[in-house]
Amino acid sequence: MPVIHELLVGDEADRGNIIPCLIGGLAVSALAYVTDYYIVPKRLSPGFEERLSGGSLCLIYNALALSLALGSLAGRRLWKS
């Protein structure tokens, strides 16, 4: 998933633009959700929905989106210094 995020927002991360990085993170997180729960067969899905509430799943995928965005921005700064 980080590779997909970098392909979407690599240039914006270079410039330090956080909004496109966040939008890219949300897009990749939504793609991960759709893949986990609609594309992958049920027997291969993570099964988190059986243990966690819908709100908790939403928080997890939003945390993924935020971590992708912030990781992309922080990684660019580390490599440039």
C-alpha atoms as a PDB file:
ATOM      1  CA  MET A   1       0.000   0.000   0.000  1.00  0.00           C
ATOM      2  CA  PRO A   2       2.771   2.547   0.655  1.00  0.00           C
ATOM      3  CA  VAL A   3       3.950   2.068  -2.924  1.00  0.00           C
ATOM      4  CA  ILE A   4       0.499   2.950  -4.258  1.00  0.00           C
ATOM      5  CA  HIS A   5       0.425   6.013  -2.022  1.00  0.00           C
ATOM      6  CA  GLU A   6       3.843   7.128  -3.246  1.00  0.00           C
ATOM      7  CA  LEU A   7       2.738   6.705  -6.866  1.00  0.00           C
ATOM      8  CA  LEU A   8      -0.297   8.907  -6.171  1.00  0.00           C
ATOM      9  CA  VAL A   9       1.361  11.721  -4.223  1.00  0.00           C
ATOM     10  CA  GLY A  10       5.125  11.438  -4.614  1.00  0.00           C
ATOM     11  CA  ASP A  11       5.614  14.905  -6.107  1.00  0.00           C
ATOM     12  CA  GLU A  12       3.278  16.550  -3.616  1.00  0.00           C
ATOM     13  CA  ALA A  13       5.161  14.936  -0.732  1.00  0.00           C
ATOM     14  CA  ASP A  14       8.390  16.363  -2.177  1.00  0.00           C
ATOM     15  CA  ARG A  15       6.846  19.830  -1.949  1.00  0.00           C
ATOM     16  CA  GLY A  16       5.530  19.197   1.584  1.00  0.00           C
ATOM     17  CA  ASN A  17       1.865  19.591   0.624  1.00  0.00           C
ATOM     18  CA  ILE A  18      -0.080  17.794   3.335  1.00  0.00           C
ATOM     19  CA  ILE A  19      -3.613  18.008   1.861  1.00  0.00           C
ATOM     20  CA  PRO A  20      -2.870  15.941  -1.273  1.00  0.00           C
ATOM     21  CA  CYS A  21      -0.956  13.474   0.911  1.00  0.00           C
ATOM     22  CA  LEU A  22      -3.961  13.099   3.217  1.00  0.00           C
ATOM     23  CA  ILE A  23      -6.337  12.667   0.279  1.00  0.00           C
ATOM     24  CA  GLY A  24      -4.004  10.064  -1.195  1.00  0.00           C
ATOM     25  CA  GLY A  25      -3.881   8.317   2.177  1.00  0.00           C
ATOM     26  CA  LEU A  26      -7.666   8.221   2.333  1.00  0.00           C
ATOM     27  CA  ALA A  27      -7.853   6.842  -1.196  1.00  0.00           C
ATOM     28  CA  VAL A  28      -5.341   4.090  -0.463  1.00  0.00           C
ATOM     29  CA  SER A  29      -7.043   3.282   2.844  1.00  0.00           C
ATOM     30  CA  ALA A  30     -10.401   2.997   1.064  1.00  0.00           C
ATOM     31  CA  LEU A  31      -8.771   0.718  -1.495  1.00  0.00           C
ATOM     32  CA  ALA A  32      -7.412  -1.444   1.337  1.00  0.00           C
ATOM     33  CA  TYR A  33     -10.894  -1.666   2.890  1.00  0.00           C
ATOM     34  CA  VAL A  34     -12.528  -2.639  -0.392  1.00  0.00           C
ATOM     35  CA  THR A  35      -9.807  -5.194  -1.045  1.00  0.00           C
ATOM     36  CA  ASP A  36     -10.046  -6.691   2.465  1.00  0.00           C
ATOM     37  CA  TYR A  37     -13.825  -6.979   2.600  1.00  0.00           C
ATOM     38  CA  TYR A  38     -15.137  -7.141  -0.970  1.00  0.00           C
ATOM     39  CA  ILE A  39     -12.456  -8.462  -3.333  1.00  0.00           C
ATOM     40  CA  VAL A  40     -10.660 -11.075  -1.232  1.00  0.00           C
ATOM     41  CA  PRO A  41     -12.734 -14.213  -0.583  1.00  0.00           C
ATOM     42  CA  LYS A  42     -14.397 -14.282   2.855  1.00  0.00           C
ATOM     43  CA  ARG A  43     -12.183 -17.144   4.082  1.00  0.00           C
ATOM     44  CA  LEU A  44      -9.069 -15.013   3.380  1.00  0.00           C
ATOM     45  CA  SER A  45     -10.365 -11.708   4.789  1.00  0.00           C
ATOM     46  CA  PRO A  46      -8.804 -10.418   8.030  1.00  0.00           C
ATOM     47  CA  GLY A  47     -11.941 -11.070  10.113  1.00  0.00           C
ATOM     48  CA  PHE A  48     -11.592  -7.925  12.200  1.00  0.00           C
ATOM     49  CA  GLU A  49     -15.304  -7.177  11.755  1.00  0.00           C
ATOM     50  CA  GLU A  50     -16.131 -10.174  13.955  1.00  0.00           C
ATOM     51  CA  ARG A  51     -14.186  -8.743  16.908  1.00  0.00           C
ATOM     52  CA  LEU A  52     -14.422  -4.967  16.413  1.00  0.00           C
ATOM     53  CA  SER A  53     -17.309  -2.547  15.992  1.00  0.00           C
ATOM     54  CA  GLY A  54     -17.852  -0.616  12.783  1.00  0.00           C
ATOM     55  CA  GLY A  55     -16.593   2.537  14.466  1.00  0.00           C
ATOM     56  CA  SER A  56     -13.391   0.815  15.519  1.00  0.00           C
ATOM     57  CA  LEU A  57     -12.809  -0.428  11.972  1.00  0.00           C
ATOM     58  CA  CYS A  58     -13.332   3.115  10.704  1.00  0.00           C
ATOM     59  CA  LEU A  59     -10.722   4.388  13.163  1.00  0.00           C
ATOM     60  CA  ILE A  60      -8.257   1.710  12.078  1.00  0.00           C
ATOM     61  CA  TYR A  61      -8.563   2.543   8.394  1.00  0.00           C
ATOM     62  CA  ASN A  62      -8.384   6.278   9.146  1.00  0.00           C
ATOM     63  CA  ALA A  63      -5.213   5.657  11.172  1.00  0.00           C
ATOM     64  CA  LEU A  64      -3.817   3.851   8.132  1.00  0.00           C
ATOM     65  CA  ALA A  65      -4.642   6.866   5.949  1.00  0.00           C
ATOM     66  CA  LEU A  66      -3.016   9.294   8.370  1.00  0.00           C
ATOM     67  CA  SER A  67       0.088   7.148   8.820  1.00  0.00           C
ATOM     68  CA  LEU A  68       0.552   6.843   5.056  1.00  0.00           C
ATOM     69  CA  ALA A  69       0.347  10.614   4.635  1.00  0.00           C
ATOM     70  CA  LEU A  70       2.604  11.504   7.558  1.00  0.00           C
ATOM     71  CA  GLY A  71       5.062   8.725   6.762  1.00  0.00           C
ATOM     72  CA  SER A  72       5.382   9.960   3.215  1.00  0.00           C
ATOM     73  CA  LEU A  73       6.039  13.527   4.337  1.00  0.00           C
ATOM     74  CA  ALA A  74       8.466  12.523   7.092  1.00  0.00           C
ATOM     75  CA  GLY A  75      10.313  10.089   4.848  1.00  0.00           C
ATOM     76  CA  ARG A  76      10.919  12.761   2.248  1.00  0.00           C
ATOM     77  CA  ARG A  77      12.348  15.113   4.854  1.00  0.00           C
ATOM     78  CA  LEU A  78      14.665  12.435   6.247  1.00  0.00           C
ATOM     79  CA  TRP A  79      16.051  11.551   2.838  1.00  0.00           C
ATOM     80  CA  LYS A  80      16.670  15.202   1.932  1.00  0.00           C
ATOM     81  CA  SER A  81      18.579  16.096   5.095  1.00  0.00           C
END
